[in-house]
Amino acid sequence: MHAMINIALSAVWSASEALLQSADRLDRLKIINNDPANFVSSIDKEVELTIIYHLQKIYPDHSIETRLGEKIEGEANEPTWLVDPLLGSFNYSRGIDCYGIAVACQIEGTVTHSVLILPSRNEEFIATRGAGAKL
């Protein structure tokens, strides 16, 4: 498995711990944006920050863009990590077990690696351009 996939997996599984812990106390979530098309809560931000921390620790020169609008320009500008800290935020906030975390690595506008995990189901999906996908 490619090193970037391993780093992305480590980052998302680490961030997923916060999701799993707060799933039992959804009443404590702070809603940032209540629009169902772009629902954002405090846990989205917490997961985002954890992923950014892990990616920057290993790849400080890489750029990072997140669904929540965070954009960090790395010195190298390439590659760029694309982060969606909580796919299915609205589901998560309602206690519906259908949510995940996604991270992709983009080089020159093309996604080369991607990771998606479903933490409550302990499932992960990875793909590398030209090498296929694994479930």
Foldseek 3Di string as FASTA:
>chain_A
DDPVQVLQVVQFVVLCVLLVVCLVPLVPWAWPDPPPVLTDIPSQVSSVVSSVVSCCVVVVQEWEAEPVGDTRHGVVPPWYKYWRRKAPPVCSSVSHQDIWIKIFIHGPRRTAKIKIDSVVVGDIKIQGVPPGIDD
